[in-house]
Amino acid sequence: MNLPNKLTVLRVILIVPFVAFMLMDLGAWARWAALAIFVIASLTDMLDGKIARKYNLVTNFGKFMDPLADKLLVCSALVCLVSMEMLPAVVCIIIIAREFAISGFRLVAADNGIVIAAGIWGKMKTVFQMIMIIVLIADFGGIFDTIEWILIIISTALTIISLIDYIWKNKQVLTMQD
């Protein structure tokens, strides 16, 4: 298993302690531990792709697991934040619904021999979602409450925009016959 794939597997493994620290009532240190784990996991997302492309280490395992690991990490964080009443459930539902829709869309495309790369809107969505999650977990209060809401609105908007952009640019997939 190459380094990018090991980083992807590490990201999936880190979800377990992340969720445990987020949801167990262990005091303030647990939230900071969860934040550190989330940041490290998010950085592995950036690193594995860069390393895979730079050193030509792209594998089918990586193509499958990398986006799945991203979705698992982000969705786990969102569900934790909703359960802690730090994020409106509707935002979580919109983001998770978009991920299911895109995953289904990619499966249909792959079944027709089409590989669809992530677009700029999807990448921006991911960056803003991860920043939003980091700021929400940190929960500094004060002016950061306003910043949290701005990030929630931007992340939700980018989620919807990226979904529309993705489907629009690849609408031919919807008209393909078996």
C-alpha atoms as a PDB file:
ATOM      1  CA  MET A   1       0.000   0.000   0.000  1.00  0.00           C
ATOM      2  CA  ASN A   2       1.494   3.335  -1.025  1.00  0.00           C
ATOM      3  CA  LEU A   3       1.763   6.466   1.139  1.00  0.00           C
ATOM      4  CA  PRO A   4      -1.307   8.298  -0.244  1.00  0.00           C
ATOM      5  CA  ASN A   5      -3.466   5.224   0.421  1.00  0.00           C
ATOM      6  CA  LYS A   6      -2.030   4.890   3.931  1.00  0.00           C
ATOM      7  CA  LEU A   7      -2.960   8.535   4.580  1.00  0.00           C
ATOM      8  CA  THR A   8      -6.495   7.841   3.349  1.00  0.00           C
ATOM      9  CA  VAL A   9      -6.803   4.823   5.657  1.00  0.00           C
ATOM     10  CA  LEU A  10      -5.416   6.913   8.525  1.00  0.00           C
ATOM     11  CA  ARG A  11      -8.131   9.520   7.865  1.00  0.00           C
ATOM     12  CA  VAL A  12     -10.820   6.839   8.182  1.00  0.00           C
ATOM     13  CA  ILE A  13      -9.252   5.457  11.370  1.00  0.00           C
ATOM     14  CA  LEU A  14      -9.042   8.960  12.910  1.00  0.00           C
ATOM     15  CA  ILE A  15     -12.832   9.291  12.636  1.00  0.00           C
ATOM     16  CA  VAL A  16     -13.313   6.932  15.602  1.00  0.00           C
ATOM     17  CA  PRO A  17     -11.333   8.935  18.187  1.00  0.00           C
ATOM     18  CA  PHE A  18     -12.625  12.184  16.676  1.00  0.00           C
ATOM     19  CA  VAL A  19     -16.253  11.168  17.244  1.00  0.00           C
ATOM     20  CA  ALA A  20     -15.443   9.753  20.692  1.00  0.00           C
ATOM     21  CA  PHE A  21     -13.829  13.003  21.831  1.00  0.00           C
ATOM     22  CA  MET A  22     -16.655  15.065  20.329  1.00  0.00           C
ATOM     23  CA  LEU A  23     -19.459  13.134  21.988  1.00  0.00           C
ATOM     24  CA  MET A  24     -18.028  11.923  25.282  1.00  0.00           C
ATOM     25  CA  ASP A  25     -18.373  14.343  28.154  1.00  0.00           C
ATOM     26  CA  LEU A  26     -14.707  14.441  29.137  1.00  0.00           C
ATOM     27  CA  GLY A  27     -14.290  18.163  29.631  1.00  0.00           C
ATOM     28  CA  ALA A  28     -12.913  20.974  27.483  1.00  0.00           C
ATOM     29  CA  TRP A  29      -9.687  19.140  26.661  1.00  0.00           C
ATOM     30  CA  ALA A  30     -11.683  16.517  24.729  1.00  0.00           C
ATOM     31  CA  ARG A  31     -13.055  19.141  22.343  1.00  0.00           C
ATOM     32  CA  TRP A  32      -9.518  20.422  21.689  1.00  0.00           C
ATOM     33  CA  ALA A  33      -8.347  16.847  21.123  1.00  0.00           C
ATOM     34  CA  ALA A  34     -11.224  16.355  18.665  1.00  0.00           C
ATOM     35  CA  LEU A  35     -10.272  19.600  16.931  1.00  0.00           C
ATOM     36  CA  ALA A  36      -6.636  18.501  16.614  1.00  0.00           C
ATOM     37  CA  ILE A  37      -7.693  15.125  15.205  1.00  0.00           C
ATOM     38  CA  PHE A  38     -10.050  16.781  12.705  1.00  0.00           C
ATOM     39  CA  VAL A  39      -7.327  19.182  11.533  1.00  0.00           C
ATOM     40  CA  ILE A  40      -4.831  16.325  11.130  1.00  0.00           C
ATOM     41  CA  ALA A  41      -7.403  14.238   9.241  1.00  0.00           C
ATOM     42  CA  SER A  42      -8.239  17.217   7.011  1.00  0.00           C
ATOM     43  CA  LEU A  43      -4.549  17.727   6.247  1.00  0.00           C
ATOM     44  CA  THR A  44      -4.218  14.070   5.208  1.00  0.00           C
ATOM     45  CA  ASP A  45      -6.936  14.787   2.640  1.00  0.00           C
ATOM     46  CA  MET A  46      -4.835  17.529   1.113  1.00  0.00           C
ATOM     47  CA  LEU A  47      -1.587  15.572   1.331  1.00  0.00           C
ATOM     48  CA  ASP A  48      -2.688  12.248  -0.097  1.00  0.00           C
ATOM     49  CA  GLY A  49      -3.942  13.784  -3.327  1.00  0.00           C
ATOM     50  CA  LYS A  50      -0.867  15.961  -3.816  1.00  0.00           C
ATOM     51  CA  ILE A  51       1.509  13.056  -3.195  1.00  0.00           C
ATOM     52  CA  ALA A  52      -0.473  10.682  -5.419  1.00  0.00           C
ATOM     53  CA  ARG A  53      -0.475  13.102  -8.358  1.00  0.00           C
ATOM     54  CA  LYS A  54       3.122  14.307  -7.919  1.00  0.00           C
ATOM     55  CA  TYR A  55       4.634  10.821  -7.738  1.00  0.00           C
ATOM     56  CA  ASN A  56       2.121   9.087 -10.029  1.00  0.00           C
ATOM     57  CA  LEU A  57       0.786   6.947  -7.187  1.00  0.00           C
ATOM     58  CA  VAL A  58      -2.885   7.189  -8.183  1.00  0.00           C
ATOM     59  CA  THR A  59      -4.617   3.844  -7.587  1.00  0.00           C
ATOM     60  CA  ASN A  60      -8.138   2.494  -7.962  1.00  0.00           C
ATOM     61  CA  PHE A  61      -8.208   2.050  -4.176  1.00  0.00           C
ATOM     62  CA  GLY A  62      -7.342   5.729  -3.758  1.00  0.00           C
ATOM     63  CA  LYS A  63      -9.901   6.855  -6.339  1.00  0.00           C
ATOM     64  CA  PHE A  64     -12.569   4.978  -4.397  1.00  0.00           C
ATOM     65  CA  MET A  65     -11.465   5.475  -0.788  1.00  0.00           C
ATOM     66  CA  ASP A  66     -10.274   9.095  -0.836  1.00  0.00           C
ATOM     67  CA  PRO A  67     -13.678  10.646  -1.576  1.00  0.00           C
ATOM     68  CA  LEU A  68     -15.353   8.121   0.724  1.00  0.00           C
ATOM     69  CA  ALA A  69     -12.957   8.992   3.562  1.00  0.00           C
ATOM     70  CA  ASP A  70     -13.683  12.698   3.013  1.00  0.00           C
ATOM     71  CA  LYS A  71     -17.417  12.122   3.152  1.00  0.00           C
ATOM     72  CA  LEU A  72     -17.140   9.949   6.273  1.00  0.00           C
ATOM     73  CA  LEU A  73     -15.020  12.551   8.061  1.00  0.00           C
ATOM     74  CA  VAL A  74     -17.186  15.544   7.169  1.00  0.00           C
ATOM     75  CA  CYS A  75     -20.513  13.772   7.716  1.00  0.00           C
ATOM     76  CA  SER A  76     -19.341  12.402  11.085  1.00  0.00           C
ATOM     77  CA  ALA A  77     -18.363  15.904  12.171  1.00  0.00           C
ATOM     78  CA  LEU A  78     -21.669  17.367  10.988  1.00  0.00           C
ATOM     79  CA  VAL A  79     -23.718  14.750  12.828  1.00  0.00           C
ATOM     80  CA  CYS A  80     -21.698  15.370  16.007  1.00  0.00           C
ATOM     81  CA  LEU A  81     -22.228  19.130  15.677  1.00  0.00           C
ATOM     82  CA  VAL A  82     -25.981  18.651  15.179  1.00  0.00           C
ATOM     83  CA  SER A  83     -26.196  16.365  18.225  1.00  0.00           C
ATOM     84  CA  MET A  84     -24.364  19.030  20.244  1.00  0.00           C
ATOM     85  CA  GLU A  85     -26.838  21.654  18.927  1.00  0.00           C
ATOM     86  CA  MET A  86     -24.017  23.623  17.309  1.00  0.00           C
ATOM     87  CA  LEU A  87     -25.284  23.212  13.733  1.00  0.00           C
ATOM     88  CA  PRO A  88     -28.845  23.298  12.406  1.00  0.00           C
ATOM     89  CA  ALA A  89     -30.001  19.842  11.296  1.00  0.00           C
ATOM     90  CA  VAL A  90     -31.222  21.248   7.976  1.00  0.00           C
ATOM     91  CA  VAL A  91     -27.640  22.234   7.064  1.00  0.00           C
ATOM     92  CA  CYS A  92     -26.432  18.731   7.862  1.00  0.00           C
ATOM     93  CA  ILE A  93     -29.256  17.230   5.792  1.00  0.00           C
ATOM     94  CA  ILE A  94     -28.482  19.455   2.781  1.00  0.00           C
ATOM     95  CA  ILE A  95     -24.782  18.601   2.896  1.00  0.00           C
ATOM     96  CA  ILE A  96     -25.302  14.862   3.358  1.00  0.00           C
ATOM     97  CA  ALA A  97     -28.044  14.758   0.710  1.00  0.00           C
ATOM     98  CA  ARG A  98     -25.666  16.446  -1.760  1.00  0.00           C
ATOM     99  CA  GLU A  99     -23.005  13.840  -1.007  1.00  0.00           C
ATOM    100  CA  PHE A 100     -25.443  10.979  -1.612  1.00  0.00           C
ATOM    101  CA  ALA A 101     -26.665  12.589  -4.842  1.00  0.00           C
ATOM    102  CA  ILE A 102     -23.139  13.103  -6.184  1.00  0.00           C
ATOM    103  CA  SER A 103     -22.089   9.581  -5.153  1.00  0.00           C
ATOM    104  CA  GLY A 104     -25.081   8.138  -6.991  1.00  0.00           C
ATOM    105  CA  PHE A 105     -24.357  10.324  -9.986  1.00  0.00           C
ATOM    106  CA  ARG A 106     -20.724   9.123 -10.030  1.00  0.00           C
ATOM    107  CA  LEU A 107     -21.855   5.502  -9.869  1.00  0.00           C
ATOM    108  CA  VAL A 108     -24.097   5.966 -12.902  1.00  0.00           C
ATOM    109  CA  ALA A 109     -21.265   7.722 -14.742  1.00  0.00           C
ATOM    110  CA  ALA A 110     -18.753   4.999 -13.795  1.00  0.00           C
ATOM    111  CA  ASP A 111     -21.202   2.328 -14.951  1.00  0.00           C
ATOM    112  CA  ASN A 112     -21.103   4.071 -18.333  1.00  0.00           C
ATOM    113  CA  GLY A 113     -17.303   4.245 -18.354  1.00  0.00           C
ATOM    114  CA  ILE A 114     -17.136   7.935 -17.447  1.00  0.00           C
ATOM    115  CA  VAL A 115     -14.883   9.245 -14.694  1.00  0.00           C
ATOM    116  CA  ILE A 116     -15.893  12.676 -13.447  1.00  0.00           C
ATOM    117  CA  ALA A 117     -13.241  14.753 -11.734  1.00  0.00           C
ATOM    118  CA  ALA A 118     -14.079  17.133  -8.912  1.00  0.00           C
ATOM    119  CA  GLY A 119     -14.688  20.696 -10.072  1.00  0.00           C
ATOM    120  CA  ILE A 120     -13.632  23.985  -8.548  1.00  0.00           C
ATOM    121  CA  TRP A 121     -17.017  24.481  -6.833  1.00  0.00           C
ATOM    122  CA  GLY A 122     -16.738  21.076  -5.173  1.00  0.00           C
ATOM    123  CA  LYS A 123     -13.225  21.819  -3.980  1.00  0.00           C
ATOM    124  CA  MET A 124     -14.299  25.203  -2.601  1.00  0.00           C
ATOM    125  CA  LYS A 125     -17.249  23.512  -0.895  1.00  0.00           C
ATOM    126  CA  THR A 126     -14.937  21.044   0.802  1.00  0.00           C
ATOM    127  CA  VAL A 127     -12.524  23.747   1.993  1.00  0.00           C
ATOM    128  CA  PHE A 128     -15.316  25.903   3.420  1.00  0.00           C
ATOM    129  CA  GLN A 129     -17.019  22.935   5.069  1.00  0.00           C
ATOM    130  CA  MET A 130     -13.788  21.941   6.782  1.00  0.00           C
ATOM    131  CA  ILE A 131     -13.107  25.523   7.903  1.00  0.00           C
ATOM    132  CA  MET A 132     -16.702  25.783   9.152  1.00  0.00           C
ATOM    133  CA  ILE A 133     -16.342  22.550  11.116  1.00  0.00           C
ATOM    134  CA  ILE A 134     -13.026  23.688  12.640  1.00  0.00           C
ATOM    135  CA  VAL A 135     -14.486  27.045  13.721  1.00  0.00           C
ATOM    136  CA  LEU A 136     -17.624  25.389  15.121  1.00  0.00           C
ATOM    137  CA  ILE A 137     -15.601  22.862  17.117  1.00  0.00           C
ATOM    138  CA  ALA A 138     -13.307  25.612  18.445  1.00  0.00           C
ATOM    139  CA  ASP A 139     -16.427  27.529  19.568  1.00  0.00           C
ATOM    140  CA  PHE A 140     -14.610  30.707  20.593  1.00  0.00           C
ATOM    141  CA  GLY A 141     -17.853  32.663  21.103  1.00  0.00           C
ATOM    142  CA  GLY A 142     -18.244  36.428  20.770  1.00  0.00           C
ATOM    143  CA  ILE A 143     -17.542  37.712  17.260  1.00  0.00           C
ATOM    144  CA  PHE A 144     -16.811  34.137  16.228  1.00  0.00           C
ATOM    145  CA  ASP A 145     -20.530  33.366  16.588  1.00  0.00           C
ATOM    146  CA  THR A 146     -21.113  35.685  13.629  1.00  0.00           C
ATOM    147  CA  ILE A 147     -18.200  34.143  11.731  1.00  0.00           C
ATOM    148  CA  GLU A 148     -19.661  30.679  12.416  1.00  0.00           C
ATOM    149  CA  TRP A 149     -22.987  31.709  10.868  1.00  0.00           C
ATOM    150  CA  ILE A 150     -21.261  33.264   7.852  1.00  0.00           C
ATOM    151  CA  LEU A 151     -19.305  30.037   7.318  1.00  0.00           C
ATOM    152  CA  ILE A 152     -22.476  27.953   7.710  1.00  0.00           C
ATOM    153  CA  ILE A 153     -24.247  30.075   5.080  1.00  0.00           C
ATOM    154  CA  ILE A 154     -21.284  30.015   2.673  1.00  0.00           C
ATOM    155  CA  SER A 155     -20.792  26.254   3.131  1.00  0.00           C
ATOM    156  CA  THR A 156     -24.474  25.555   2.533  1.00  0.00           C
ATOM    157  CA  ALA A 157     -24.559  27.826  -0.528  1.00  0.00           C
ATOM    158  CA  LEU A 158     -21.417  26.215  -1.968  1.00  0.00           C
ATOM    159  CA  THR A 159     -22.918  22.788  -1.325  1.00  0.00           C
ATOM    160  CA  ILE A 160     -25.972  23.680  -3.413  1.00  0.00           C
ATOM    161  CA  ILE A 161     -23.983  25.535  -6.101  1.00  0.00           C
ATOM    162  CA  SER A 162     -21.502  22.667  -6.458  1.00  0.00           C
ATOM    163  CA  LEU A 163     -24.355  20.163  -6.814  1.00  0.00           C
ATOM    164  CA  ILE A 164     -26.032  22.211  -9.548  1.00  0.00           C
ATOM    165  CA  ASP A 165     -22.710  22.833 -11.318  1.00  0.00           C
ATOM    166  CA  TYR A 166     -21.750  19.152 -11.141  1.00  0.00           C
ATOM    167  CA  ILE A 167     -25.045  17.928 -12.567  1.00  0.00           C
ATOM    168  CA  TRP A 168     -25.208  20.664 -15.203  1.00  0.00           C
ATOM    169  CA  LYS A 169     -21.684  19.989 -16.506  1.00  0.00           C
ATOM    170  CA  ASN A 170     -22.321  16.247 -16.594  1.00  0.00           C
ATOM    171  CA  LYS A 171     -26.004  16.135 -17.546  1.00  0.00           C
ATOM    172  CA  GLN A 172     -25.256  13.734 -20.409  1.00  0.00           C
ATOM    173  CA  VAL A 173     -24.864  11.018 -17.775  1.00  0.00           C
ATOM    174  CA  LEU A 174     -28.580  11.345 -16.971  1.00  0.00           C
ATOM    175  CA  THR A 175     -29.599  10.646 -20.557  1.00  0.00           C
ATOM    176  CA  MET A 176     -27.420   7.566 -21.135  1.00  0.00           C
ATOM    177  CA  GLN A 177     -29.123   4.275 -21.919  1.00  0.00           C
ATOM    178  CA  ASP A 178     -27.963   0.898 -20.668  1.00  0.00           C
END
